[in-house]
Amino acid sequence: MVLMKLGAWMAGLVGIVAPVSTAEAVATQTAQLKLMTFNVRNLHGDDGTVNSWDNRKDRAVSVINSFGPDIVGMQEAYSAQIDYFVTHLNGNYQSLGTSRYGNKTDEYSNIVY
């Protein structure tokens, strides 16, 4: 667009009338965005068993880190779990979302990015 305007200006400046090309070079760029969804499984389920959050949290972080996603959609996560992920995942992740009832004590469906 700038070249078209410059070309028209120059043509007017020297008194030459010439067609100005409307074709513009388009730079193409590709980018990869890694997305992941992860059902965290709620904080209180299976307390005292091998499937309790305390027994799963480091494995969960390891799994997510192994994929290195840019964005993770999380289901059934409580705020304490989300905070754990944000603190322990490789990279500078943040969280966005709210619980299903808009409070801080219920399950969230959030994204970590």
PDB file of N, CA and C in Angstrom:
ATOM      1  N   MET A   1       0.821  -1.177   0.000  1.00  0.00           N
ATOM      2  CA  MET A   1       0.000   0.000   0.000  1.00  0.00           C
ATOM      3  C   MET A   1       0.876   1.256   0.000  1.00  0.00           C
ATOM      4  N   VAL A   2       1.898   1.237   0.815  1.00  0.00           N
ATOM      5  CA  VAL A   2       2.811   2.378   0.868  1.00  0.00           C
ATOM      6  C   VAL A   2       3.494   2.569  -0.475  1.00  0.00           C
ATOM      7  N   LEU A   3       3.907   1.447  -1.099  1.00  0.00           N
ATOM      8  CA  LEU A   3       4.559   1.541  -2.400  1.00  0.00           C
ATOM      9  C   LEU A   3       3.612   2.088  -3.449  1.00  0.00           C
ATOM     10  N   MET A   4       2.345   1.715  -3.392  1.00  0.00           N
ATOM     11  CA  MET A   4       1.367   2.228  -4.348  1.00  0.00           C
ATOM     12  C   MET A   4       1.237   3.739  -4.201  1.00  0.00           C
ATOM     13  N   LYS A   5       1.136   4.222  -2.973  1.00  0.00           N
ATOM     14  CA  LYS A   5       1.004   5.657  -2.737  1.00  0.00           C
ATOM     15  C   LYS A   5       2.265   6.395  -3.178  1.00  0.00           C
ATOM     16  N   LEU A   6       3.407   5.829  -2.864  1.00  0.00           N
ATOM     17  CA  LEU A   6       4.673   6.438  -3.253  1.00  0.00           C
ATOM     18  C   LEU A   6       4.799   6.482  -4.769  1.00  0.00           C
ATOM     19  N   GLY A   7       4.423   5.378  -5.421  1.00  0.00           N
ATOM     20  CA  GLY A   7       4.481   5.318  -6.882  1.00  0.00           C
ATOM     21  C   GLY A   7       3.555   6.334  -7.525  1.00  0.00           C
ATOM     22  N   ALA A   8       2.341   6.481  -7.012  1.00  0.00           N
ATOM     23  CA  ALA A   8       1.395   7.459  -7.550  1.00  0.00           C
ATOM     24  C   ALA A   8       1.910   8.874  -7.329  1.00  0.00           C
ATOM     25  N   TRP A   9       2.490   9.121  -6.181  1.00  0.00           N
ATOM     26  CA  TRP A   9       3.039  10.447  -5.872  1.00  0.00           C
ATOM     27  C   TRP A   9       4.187  10.786  -6.817  1.00  0.00           C
ATOM     28  N   MET A  10       5.069   9.812  -7.032  1.00  0.00           N
ATOM     29  CA  MET A  10       6.212  10.045  -7.918  1.00  0.00           C
ATOM     30  C   MET A  10       5.749  10.265  -9.350  1.00  0.00           C
ATOM     31  N   ALA A  11       4.751   9.488  -9.781  1.00  0.00           N
ATOM     32  CA  ALA A  11       4.234   9.661 -11.139  1.00  0.00           C
ATOM     33  C   ALA A  11       3.639  11.051 -11.300  1.00  0.00           C
ATOM     34  N   GLY A  12       2.923  11.518 -10.306  1.00  0.00           N
ATOM     35  CA  GLY A  12       2.358  12.863 -10.362  1.00  0.00           C
ATOM     36  C   GLY A  12       3.437  13.922 -10.333  1.00  0.00           C
ATOM     37  N   LEU A  13       4.495  13.663  -9.601  1.00  0.00           N
ATOM     38  CA  LEU A  13       5.587  14.617  -9.463  1.00  0.00           C
ATOM     39  C   LEU A  13       6.278  14.878 -10.792  1.00  0.00           C
ATOM     40  N   VAL A  14       6.500  13.842 -11.564  1.00  0.00           N
ATOM     41  CA  VAL A  14       7.205  14.009 -12.837  1.00  0.00           C
ATOM     42  C   VAL A  14       6.249  14.154 -14.004  1.00  0.00           C
ATOM     43  N   GLY A  15       4.957  14.152 -13.742  1.00  0.00           N
ATOM     44  CA  GLY A  15       3.985  14.357 -14.800  1.00  0.00           C
ATOM     45  C   GLY A  15       3.775  13.149 -15.682  1.00  0.00           C
ATOM     46  N   ILE A  16       4.123  11.988 -15.208  1.00  0.00           N
ATOM     47  CA  ILE A  16       3.958  10.766 -15.985  1.00  0.00           C
ATOM     48  C   ILE A  16       2.747  10.037 -15.449  1.00  0.00           C
ATOM     49  N   VAL A  17       1.904   9.608 -16.349  1.00  0.00           N
ATOM     50  CA  VAL A  17       0.756   8.818 -15.944  1.00  0.00           C
ATOM     51  C   VAL A  17       1.060   7.380 -16.327  1.00  0.00           C
ATOM     52  N   ALA A  18       1.154   6.538 -15.348  1.00  0.00           N
ATOM     53  CA  ALA A  18       1.469   5.133 -15.586  1.00  0.00           C
ATOM     54  C   ALA A  18       0.645   4.303 -14.626  1.00  0.00           C
ATOM     55  N   PRO A  19       0.249   3.121 -15.065  1.00  0.00           N
ATOM     56  CA  PRO A  19      -0.515   2.269 -14.145  1.00  0.00           C
ATOM     57  C   PRO A  19       0.357   1.844 -12.959  1.00  0.00           C
ATOM     58  N   VAL A  20      -0.246   1.815 -11.813  1.00  0.00           N
ATOM     59  CA  VAL A  20       0.448   1.395 -10.601  1.00  0.00           C
ATOM     60  C   VAL A  20      -0.021  -0.011 -10.257  1.00  0.00           C
ATOM     61  N   SER A  21       0.904  -0.888 -10.049  1.00  0.00           N
ATOM     62  CA  SER A  21       0.563  -2.275  -9.731  1.00  0.00           C
ATOM     63  C   SER A  21      -0.129  -2.350  -8.380  1.00  0.00           C
ATOM     64  N   THR A  22      -1.186  -3.163  -8.323  1.00  0.00           N
ATOM     65  CA  THR A  22      -1.888  -3.345  -7.048  1.00  0.00           C
ATOM     66  C   THR A  22      -1.452  -4.620  -6.346  1.00  0.00           C
ATOM     67  N   ALA A  23      -0.569  -5.369  -6.970  1.00  0.00           N
ATOM     68  CA  ALA A  23      -0.095  -6.599  -6.337  1.00  0.00           C
ATOM     69  C   ALA A  23       0.882  -6.247  -5.225  1.00  0.00           C
ATOM     70  N   GLU A  24       0.640  -6.828  -4.075  1.00  0.00           N
ATOM     71  CA  GLU A  24       1.528  -6.604  -2.939  1.00  0.00           C
ATOM     72  C   GLU A  24       2.146  -7.928  -2.528  1.00  0.00           C
ATOM     73  N   ALA A  25       3.377  -7.863  -2.135  1.00  0.00           N
ATOM     74  CA  ALA A  25       4.030  -9.066  -1.631  1.00  0.00           C
ATOM     75  C   ALA A  25       3.425  -9.401  -0.273  1.00  0.00           C
ATOM     76  N   VAL A  26       3.073 -10.642  -0.114  1.00  0.00           N
ATOM     77  CA  VAL A  26       2.492 -11.092   1.149  1.00  0.00           C
ATOM     78  C   VAL A  26       3.497 -12.012   1.827  1.00  0.00           C
ATOM     79  N   ALA A  27       3.900 -11.621   2.988  1.00  0.00           N
ATOM     80  CA  ALA A  27       4.818 -12.457   3.761  1.00  0.00           C
ATOM     81  C   ALA A  27       4.000 -13.517   4.482  1.00  0.00           C
ATOM     82  N   THR A  28       4.373 -14.740   4.281  1.00  0.00           N
ATOM     83  CA  THR A  28       3.684 -15.813   4.994  1.00  0.00           C
ATOM     84  C   THR A  28       4.571 -16.287   6.126  1.00  0.00           C
ATOM     85  N   GLN A  29       3.925 -16.551   7.206  1.00  0.00           N
ATOM     86  CA  GLN A  29       4.654 -16.988   8.382  1.00  0.00           C
ATOM     87  C   GLN A  29       3.833 -18.081   9.047  1.00  0.00           C
ATOM     88  N   THR A  30       4.498 -19.101   9.483  1.00  0.00           N
ATOM     89  CA  THR A  30       3.786 -20.155  10.193  1.00  0.00           C
ATOM     90  C   THR A  30       4.262 -20.184  11.637  1.00  0.00           C
ATOM     91  N   ALA A  31       3.357 -20.578  12.470  1.00  0.00           N
ATOM     92  CA  ALA A  31       3.683 -20.711  13.890  1.00  0.00           C
ATOM     93  C   ALA A  31       2.958 -21.930  14.422  1.00  0.00           C
ATOM     94  N   GLN A  32       3.565 -22.585  15.349  1.00  0.00           N
ATOM     95  CA  GLN A  32       2.927 -23.723  15.988  1.00  0.00           C
ATOM     96  C   GLN A  32       2.437 -23.302  17.356  1.00  0.00           C
ATOM     97  N   LEU A  33       1.247 -23.733  17.664  1.00  0.00           N
ATOM     98  CA  LEU A  33       0.668 -23.483  18.972  1.00  0.00           C
ATOM     99  C   LEU A  33       0.298 -24.842  19.542  1.00  0.00           C
ATOM    100  N   LYS A  34       0.926 -25.213  20.642  1.00  0.00           N
ATOM    101  CA  LYS A  34       0.656 -26.504  21.270  1.00  0.00           C
ATOM    102  C   LYS A  34      -0.448 -26.342  22.304  1.00  0.00           C
ATOM    103  N   LEU A  35      -1.528 -27.057  22.087  1.00  0.00           N
ATOM    104  CA  LEU A  35      -2.663 -27.043  23.002  1.00  0.00           C
ATOM    105  C   LEU A  35      -2.793 -28.399  23.663  1.00  0.00           C
ATOM    106  N   MET A  36      -3.259 -28.391  24.888  1.00  0.00           N
ATOM    107  CA  MET A  36      -3.440 -29.634  25.628  1.00  0.00           C
ATOM    108  C   MET A  36      -4.661 -29.481  26.519  1.00  0.00           C
ATOM    109  N   THR A  37      -5.389 -30.552  26.692  1.00  0.00           N
ATOM    110  CA  THR A  37      -6.471 -30.561  27.664  1.00  0.00           C
ATOM    111  C   THR A  37      -6.130 -31.606  28.711  1.00  0.00           C
ATOM    112  N   PHE A  38      -6.472 -31.304  29.942  1.00  0.00           N
ATOM    113  CA  PHE A  38      -6.058 -32.180  31.034  1.00  0.00           C
ATOM    114  C   PHE A  38      -7.148 -32.221  32.092  1.00  0.00           C
ATOM    115  N   ASN A  39      -7.713 -33.394  32.307  1.00  0.00           N
ATOM    116  CA  ASN A  39      -8.681 -33.566  33.387  1.00  0.00           C
ATOM    117  C   ASN A  39      -7.879 -33.839  34.648  1.00  0.00           C
ATOM    118  N   VAL A  40      -7.836 -32.845  35.514  1.00  0.00           N
ATOM    119  CA  VAL A  40      -6.989 -32.891  36.697  1.00  0.00           C
ATOM    120  C   VAL A  40      -7.507 -33.898  37.717  1.00  0.00           C
ATOM    121  N   ARG A  41      -8.773 -34.136  37.721  1.00  0.00           N
ATOM    122  CA  ARG A  41      -9.450 -34.992  38.699  1.00  0.00           C
ATOM    123  C   ARG A  41      -9.428 -34.281  40.039  1.00  0.00           C
ATOM    124  N   ASN A  42     -10.562 -34.102  40.583  1.00  0.00           N
ATOM    125  CA  ASN A  42     -10.698 -33.139  41.680  1.00  0.00           C
ATOM    126  C   ASN A  42      -9.785 -33.387  42.870  1.00  0.00           C
ATOM    127  N   LEU A  43      -9.652 -32.353  43.635  1.00  0.00           N
ATOM    128  CA  LEU A  43      -8.710 -32.305  44.752  1.00  0.00           C
ATOM    129  C   LEU A  43      -9.012 -33.320  45.842  1.00  0.00           C
ATOM    130  N   HIS A  44     -10.274 -33.597  46.084  1.00  0.00           N
ATOM    131  CA  HIS A  44     -10.646 -34.405  47.245  1.00  0.00           C
ATOM    132  C   HIS A  44     -10.935 -35.871  46.925  1.00  0.00           C
ATOM    133  N   GLY A  45     -10.985 -36.226  45.662  1.00  0.00           N
ATOM    134  CA  GLY A  45     -11.268 -37.612  45.311  1.00  0.00           C
ATOM    135  C   GLY A  45     -10.132 -38.541  45.689  1.00  0.00           C
ATOM    136  N   ASP A  46     -10.467 -39.700  46.147  1.00  0.00           N
ATOM    137  CA  ASP A  46      -9.489 -40.756  46.450  1.00  0.00           C
ATOM    138  C   ASP A  46      -8.492 -40.380  47.541  1.00  0.00           C
ATOM    139  N   ASP A  47      -8.895 -39.523  48.462  1.00  0.00           N
ATOM    140  CA  ASP A  47      -7.990 -39.178  49.565  1.00  0.00           C
ATOM    141  C   ASP A  47      -7.519 -40.434  50.284  1.00  0.00           C
ATOM    142  N   GLY A  48      -6.236 -40.495  50.554  1.00  0.00           N
ATOM    143  CA  GLY A  48      -5.665 -41.629  51.270  1.00  0.00           C
ATOM    144  C   GLY A  48      -5.332 -42.817  50.393  1.00  0.00           C
ATOM    145  N   THR A  49      -5.532 -42.694  49.085  1.00  0.00           N
ATOM    146  CA  THR A  49      -5.203 -43.800  48.182  1.00  0.00           C
ATOM    147  C   THR A  49      -4.073 -43.375  47.248  1.00  0.00           C
ATOM    148  N   VAL A  50      -3.651 -44.287  46.414  1.00  0.00           N
ATOM    149  CA  VAL A  50      -2.595 -44.006  45.446  1.00  0.00           C
ATOM    150  C   VAL A  50      -3.046 -42.933  44.452  1.00  0.00           C
ATOM    151  N   ASN A  51      -4.361 -42.769  44.272  1.00  0.00           N
ATOM    152  CA  ASN A  51      -4.881 -41.784  43.329  1.00  0.00           C
ATOM    153  C   ASN A  51      -5.169 -40.420  43.952  1.00  0.00           C
ATOM    154  N   SER A  52      -4.804 -40.224  45.204  1.00  0.00           N
ATOM    155  CA  SER A  52      -5.051 -38.929  45.843  1.00  0.00           C
ATOM    156  C   SER A  52      -4.190 -37.848  45.182  1.00  0.00           C
ATOM    157  N   TRP A  53      -4.594 -36.609  45.332  1.00  0.00           N
ATOM    158  CA  TRP A  53      -3.867 -35.500  44.717  1.00  0.00           C
ATOM    159  C   TRP A  53      -2.403 -35.467  45.144  1.00  0.00           C
ATOM    160  N   ASP A  54      -2.146 -35.689  46.404  1.00  0.00           N
ATOM    161  CA  ASP A  54      -0.752 -35.677  46.870  1.00  0.00           C
ATOM    162  C   ASP A  54       0.098 -36.714  46.154  1.00  0.00           C
ATOM    163  N   ASN A  55      -0.496 -37.825  45.769  1.00  0.00           N
ATOM    164  CA  ASN A  55       0.245 -38.871  45.059  1.00  0.00           C
ATOM    165  C   ASN A  55       0.281 -38.651  43.548  1.00  0.00           C
ATOM    166  N   ARG A  56      -0.581 -37.796  43.030  1.00  0.00           N
ATOM    167  CA  ARG A  56      -0.664 -37.580  41.578  1.00  0.00           C
ATOM    168  C   ARG A  56      -0.017 -36.291  41.098  1.00  0.00           C
ATOM    169  N   LYS A  57       0.116 -35.313  41.964  1.00  0.00           N
ATOM    170  CA  LYS A  57       0.455 -33.965  41.502  1.00  0.00           C
ATOM    171  C   LYS A  57       1.798 -33.871  40.775  1.00  0.00           C
ATOM    172  N   ASP A  58       2.814 -34.541  41.265  1.00  0.00           N
ATOM    173  CA  ASP A  58       4.116 -34.467  40.592  1.00  0.00           C
ATOM    174  C   ASP A  58       4.100 -35.196  39.248  1.00  0.00           C
ATOM    175  N   ARG A  59       3.369 -36.305  39.177  1.00  0.00           N
ATOM    176  CA  ARG A  59       3.233 -37.008  37.889  1.00  0.00           C
ATOM    177  C   ARG A  59       2.457 -36.153  36.899  1.00  0.00           C
ATOM    178  N   ALA A  60       1.418 -35.476  37.380  1.00  0.00           N
ATOM    179  CA  ALA A  60       0.619 -34.616  36.502  1.00  0.00           C
ATOM    180  C   ALA A  60       1.475 -33.489  35.926  1.00  0.00           C
ATOM    181  N   VAL A  61       2.273 -32.866  36.756  1.00  0.00           N
ATOM    182  CA  VAL A  61       3.174 -31.808  36.297  1.00  0.00           C
ATOM    183  C   VAL A  61       4.169 -32.373  35.291  1.00  0.00           C
ATOM    184  N   SER A  62       4.702 -33.543  35.563  1.00  0.00           N
ATOM    185  CA  SER A  62       5.668 -34.176  34.669  1.00  0.00           C
ATOM    186  C   SER A  62       5.058 -34.467  33.297  1.00  0.00           C
ATOM    187  N   VAL A  63       3.831 -34.946  33.287  1.00  0.00           N
ATOM    188  CA  VAL A  63       3.160 -35.242  32.014  1.00  0.00           C
ATOM    189  C   VAL A  63       2.980 -33.963  31.204  1.00  0.00           C
ATOM    190  N   ILE A  64       2.491 -32.919  31.834  1.00  0.00           N
ATOM    191  CA  ILE A  64       2.286 -31.661  31.115  1.00  0.00           C
ATOM    192  C   ILE A  64       3.623 -31.100  30.633  1.00  0.00           C
ATOM    193  N   ASN A  65       4.631 -31.118  31.488  1.00  0.00           N
ATOM    194  CA  ASN A  65       5.957 -30.627  31.087  1.00  0.00           C
ATOM    195  C   ASN A  65       6.529 -31.415  29.919  1.00  0.00           C
ATOM    196  N   SER A  66       6.256 -32.715  29.860  1.00  0.00           N
ATOM    197  CA  SER A  66       6.807 -33.536  28.778  1.00  0.00           C
ATOM    198  C   SER A  66       6.253 -33.127  27.414  1.00  0.00           C
ATOM    199  N   PHE A  67       5.049 -32.577  27.377  1.00  0.00           N
ATOM    200  CA  PHE A  67       4.465 -32.115  26.119  1.00  0.00           C
ATOM    201  C   PHE A  67       4.811 -30.654  25.836  1.00  0.00           C
ATOM    202  N   GLY A  68       5.099 -29.887  26.869  1.00  0.00           N
ATOM    203  CA  GLY A  68       5.471 -28.484  26.695  1.00  0.00           C
ATOM    204  C   GLY A  68       4.425 -27.641  25.991  1.00  0.00           C
ATOM    205  N   PRO A  69       3.181 -27.711  26.413  1.00  0.00           N
ATOM    206  CA  PRO A  69       2.140 -26.964  25.700  1.00  0.00           C
ATOM    207  C   PRO A  69       2.220 -25.457  25.950  1.00  0.00           C
ATOM    208  N   ASP A  70       1.691 -24.702  24.999  1.00  0.00           N
ATOM    209  CA  ASP A  70       1.562 -23.259  25.173  1.00  0.00           C
ATOM    210  C   ASP A  70       0.326 -22.937  26.014  1.00  0.00           C
ATOM    211  N   ILE A  71      -0.709 -23.726  25.813  1.00  0.00           N
ATOM    212  CA  ILE A  71      -1.974 -23.529  26.523  1.00  0.00           C
ATOM    213  C   ILE A  71      -2.485 -24.882  26.992  1.00  0.00           C
ATOM    214  N   VAL A  72      -2.945 -24.937  28.239  1.00  0.00           N
ATOM    215  CA  VAL A  72      -3.548 -26.155  28.782  1.00  0.00           C
ATOM    216  C   VAL A  72      -4.955 -25.810  29.250  1.00  0.00           C
ATOM    217  N   GLY A  73      -5.939 -26.536  28.736  1.00  0.00           N
ATOM    218  CA  GLY A  73      -7.298 -26.432  29.251  1.00  0.00           C
ATOM    219  C   GLY A  73      -7.442 -27.450  30.369  1.00  0.00           C
ATOM    220  N   MET A  74      -7.878 -27.016  31.523  1.00  0.00           N
ATOM    221  CA  MET A  74      -7.993 -27.921  32.678  1.00  0.00           C
ATOM    222  C   MET A  74      -9.446 -28.072  33.095  1.00  0.00           C
ATOM    223  N   GLN A  75      -9.796 -29.277  33.466  1.00  0.00           N
ATOM    224  CA  GLN A  75     -11.123 -29.564  33.983  1.00  0.00           C
ATOM    225  C   GLN A  75     -10.986 -30.162  35.378  1.00  0.00           C
ATOM    226  N   GLU A  76     -12.000 -29.923  36.195  1.00  0.00           N
ATOM    227  CA  GLU A  76     -12.098 -30.470  37.556  1.00  0.00           C
ATOM    228  C   GLU A  76     -10.964 -30.026  38.473  1.00  0.00           C
ATOM    229  N   ALA A  77     -10.342 -28.918  38.186  1.00  0.00           N
ATOM    230  CA  ALA A  77      -9.229 -28.446  39.017  1.00  0.00           C
ATOM    231  C   ALA A  77      -9.734 -27.461  40.060  1.00  0.00           C
ATOM    232  N   TYR A  78      -9.248 -27.610  41.258  1.00  0.00           N
ATOM    233  CA  TYR A  78      -9.532 -26.643  42.323  1.00  0.00           C
ATOM    234  C   TYR A  78      -8.415 -25.603  42.339  1.00  0.00           C
ATOM    235  N   SER A  79      -8.668 -24.464  42.963  1.00  0.00           N
ATOM    236  CA  SER A  79      -7.686 -23.372  42.939  1.00  0.00           C
ATOM    237  C   SER A  79      -6.327 -23.813  43.486  1.00  0.00           C
ATOM    238  N   ALA A  80      -6.302 -24.656  44.501  1.00  0.00           N
ATOM    239  CA  ALA A  80      -5.019 -25.135  45.044  1.00  0.00           C
ATOM    240  C   ALA A  80      -4.252 -25.950  44.001  1.00  0.00           C
ATOM    241  N   GLN A  81      -4.970 -26.731  43.194  1.00  0.00           N
ATOM    242  CA  GLN A  81      -4.317 -27.514  42.147  1.00  0.00           C
ATOM    243  C   GLN A  81      -3.788 -26.601  41.042  1.00  0.00           C
ATOM    244  N   ILE A  82      -4.594 -25.635  40.660  1.00  0.00           N
ATOM    245  CA  ILE A  82      -4.168 -24.692  39.625  1.00  0.00           C
ATOM    246  C   ILE A  82      -2.924 -23.943  40.084  1.00  0.00           C
ATOM    247  N   ASP A  83      -2.942 -23.485  41.317  1.00  0.00           N
ATOM    248  CA  ASP A  83      -1.767 -22.789  41.865  1.00  0.00           C
ATOM    249  C   ASP A  83      -0.536 -23.690  41.835  1.00  0.00           C
ATOM    250  N   TYR A  84      -0.723 -24.969  42.133  1.00  0.00           N
ATOM    251  CA  TYR A  84       0.397 -25.908  42.111  1.00  0.00           C
ATOM    252  C   TYR A  84       0.968 -26.020  40.695  1.00  0.00           C
ATOM    253  N   PHE A  85       0.081 -26.150  39.710  1.00  0.00           N
ATOM    254  CA  PHE A  85       0.547 -26.243  38.328  1.00  0.00           C
ATOM    255  C   PHE A  85       1.296 -24.979  37.910  1.00  0.00           C
ATOM    256  N   VAL A  86       0.718 -23.834  38.170  1.00  0.00           N
ATOM    257  CA  VAL A  86       1.344 -22.573  37.767  1.00  0.00           C
ATOM    258  C   VAL A  86       2.729 -22.432  38.396  1.00  0.00           C
ATOM    259  N   THR A  87       2.870 -22.871  39.626  1.00  0.00           N
ATOM    260  CA  THR A  87       4.146 -22.774  40.334  1.00  0.00           C
ATOM    261  C   THR A  87       5.173 -23.795  39.842  1.00  0.00           C
ATOM    262  N   HIS A  88       4.728 -24.994  39.476  1.00  0.00           N
ATOM    263  CA  HIS A  88       5.667 -26.086  39.190  1.00  0.00           C
ATOM    264  C   HIS A  88       5.873 -26.413  37.710  1.00  0.00           C
ATOM    265  N   LEU A  89       5.054 -25.894  36.829  1.00  0.00           N
ATOM    266  CA  LEU A  89       5.261 -26.169  35.409  1.00  0.00           C
ATOM    267  C   LEU A  89       6.462 -25.391  34.899  1.00  0.00           C
ATOM    268  N   ASN A  90       7.194 -25.996  33.948  1.00  0.00           N
ATOM    269  CA  ASN A  90       8.308 -25.297  33.313  1.00  0.00           C
ATOM    270  C   ASN A  90       7.752 -24.131  32.511  1.00  0.00           C
ATOM    271  N   GLY A  91       8.371 -23.018  32.605  1.00  0.00           N
ATOM    272  CA  GLY A  91       7.897 -21.847  31.868  1.00  0.00           C
ATOM    273  C   GLY A  91       7.204 -20.867  32.788  1.00  0.00           C
ATOM    274  N   ASN A  92       6.739 -19.823  32.197  1.00  0.00           N
ATOM    275  CA  ASN A  92       6.104 -18.754  32.956  1.00  0.00           C
ATOM    276  C   ASN A  92       4.600 -18.804  32.706  1.00  0.00           C
ATOM    277  N   TYR A  93       3.922 -19.740  33.312  1.00  0.00           N
ATOM    278  CA  TYR A  93       2.493 -19.925  33.089  1.00  0.00           C
ATOM    279  C   TYR A  93       1.664 -19.043  34.014  1.00  0.00           C
ATOM    280  N   GLN A  94       0.495 -18.684  33.506  1.00  0.00           N
ATOM    281  CA  GLN A  94      -0.518 -17.983  34.277  1.00  0.00           C
ATOM    282  C   GLN A  94      -1.826 -18.729  34.093  1.00  0.00           C
ATOM    283  N   SER A  95      -2.814 -18.399  34.888  1.00  0.00           N
ATOM    284  CA  SER A  95      -4.101 -19.076  34.813  1.00  0.00           C
ATOM    285  C   SER A  95      -5.212 -18.067  34.570  1.00  0.00           C
ATOM    286  N   LEU A  96      -6.212 -18.510  33.822  1.00  0.00           N
ATOM    287  CA  LEU A  96      -7.389 -17.699  33.566  1.00  0.00           C
ATOM    288  C   LEU A  96      -8.607 -18.599  33.663  1.00  0.00           C
ATOM    289  N   GLY A  97      -9.565 -18.220  34.473  1.00  0.00           N
ATOM    290  CA  GLY A  97     -10.784 -18.998  34.581  1.00  0.00           C
ATOM    291  C   GLY A  97     -11.482 -18.746  35.894  1.00  0.00           C
ATOM    292  N   THR A  98     -12.616 -19.373  36.025  1.00  0.00           N
ATOM    293  CA  THR A  98     -13.403 -19.248  37.242  1.00  0.00           C
ATOM    294  C   THR A  98     -14.061 -20.586  37.537  1.00  0.00           C
ATOM    295  N   SER A  99     -14.504 -20.733  38.751  1.00  0.00           N
ATOM    296  CA  SER A  99     -15.186 -21.978  39.099  1.00  0.00           C
ATOM    297  C   SER A  99     -16.595 -21.970  38.510  1.00  0.00           C
ATOM    298  N   ARG A 100     -17.208 -23.101  38.480  1.00  0.00           N
ATOM    299  CA  ARG A 100     -18.531 -23.187  37.860  1.00  0.00           C
ATOM    300  C   ARG A 100     -19.584 -22.360  38.584  1.00  0.00           C
ATOM    301  N   TYR A 101     -19.361 -22.060  39.856  1.00  0.00           N
ATOM    302  CA  TYR A 101     -20.311 -21.233  40.600  1.00  0.00           C
ATOM    303  C   TYR A 101     -19.765 -19.841  40.891  1.00  0.00           C
ATOM    304  N   GLY A 102     -18.619 -19.510  40.354  1.00  0.00           N
ATOM    305  CA  GLY A 102     -18.053 -18.186  40.525  1.00  0.00           C
ATOM    306  C   GLY A 102     -17.397 -17.942  41.869  1.00  0.00           C
ATOM    307  N   ASN A 103     -17.188 -18.996  42.632  1.00  0.00           N
ATOM    308  CA  ASN A 103     -16.515 -18.834  43.927  1.00  0.00           C
ATOM    309  C   ASN A 103     -15.118 -19.443  43.846  1.00  0.00           C
ATOM    310  N   LYS A 104     -14.393 -19.422  44.916  1.00  0.00           N
ATOM    311  CA  LYS A 104     -13.029 -19.969  44.907  1.00  0.00           C
ATOM    312  C   LYS A 104     -12.947 -21.348  45.539  1.00  0.00           C
ATOM    313  N   THR A 105     -14.083 -21.922  45.894  1.00  0.00           N
ATOM    314  CA  THR A 105     -14.059 -23.200  46.606  1.00  0.00           C
ATOM    315  C   THR A 105     -14.545 -24.363  45.758  1.00  0.00           C
ATOM    316  N   ASP A 106     -14.916 -24.124  44.523  1.00  0.00           N
ATOM    317  CA  ASP A 106     -15.465 -25.181  43.682  1.00  0.00           C
ATOM    318  C   ASP A 106     -14.507 -25.496  42.529  1.00  0.00           C
ATOM    319  N   GLU A 107     -14.850 -26.491  41.739  1.00  0.00           N
ATOM    320  CA  GLU A 107     -14.030 -26.893  40.598  1.00  0.00           C
ATOM    321  C   GLU A 107     -14.009 -25.807  39.528  1.00  0.00           C
ATOM    322  N   TYR A 108     -12.852 -25.676  38.913  1.00  0.00           N
ATOM    323  CA  TYR A 108     -12.671 -24.725  37.824  1.00  0.00           C
ATOM    324  C   TYR A 108     -12.603 -25.471  36.499  1.00  0.00           C
ATOM    325  N   SER A 109     -12.959 -24.768  35.444  1.00  0.00           N
ATOM    326  CA  SER A 109     -12.591 -25.124  34.080  1.00  0.00           C
ATOM    327  C   SER A 109     -11.822 -23.912  33.583  1.00  0.00           C
ATOM    328  N   ASN A 110     -10.532 -24.002  33.614  1.00  0.00           N
ATOM    329  CA  ASN A 110      -9.690 -22.848  33.326  1.00  0.00           C
ATOM    330  C   ASN A 110      -8.665 -23.181  32.256  1.00  0.00           C
ATOM    331  N   ILE A 111      -7.949 -22.166  31.853  1.00  0.00           N
ATOM    332  CA  ILE A 111      -6.810 -22.385  30.971  1.00  0.00           C
ATOM    333  C   ILE A 111      -5.557 -21.885  31.672  1.00  0.00           C
ATOM    334  N   VAL A 112      -4.483 -22.582  31.431  1.00  0.00           N
ATOM    335  CA  VAL A 112      -3.164 -22.180  31.905  1.00  0.00           C
ATOM    336  C   VAL A 112      -2.370 -21.882  30.640  1.00  0.00           C
ATOM    337  N   TYR A 113      -1.778 -20.721  30.602  1.00  0.00           N
ATOM    338  CA  TYR A 113      -1.078 -20.286  29.392  1.00  0.00           C
ATOM    339  C   TYR A 113       0.242 -19.625  29.721  1.00  0.00           C
TER     340      TYR A 113
END
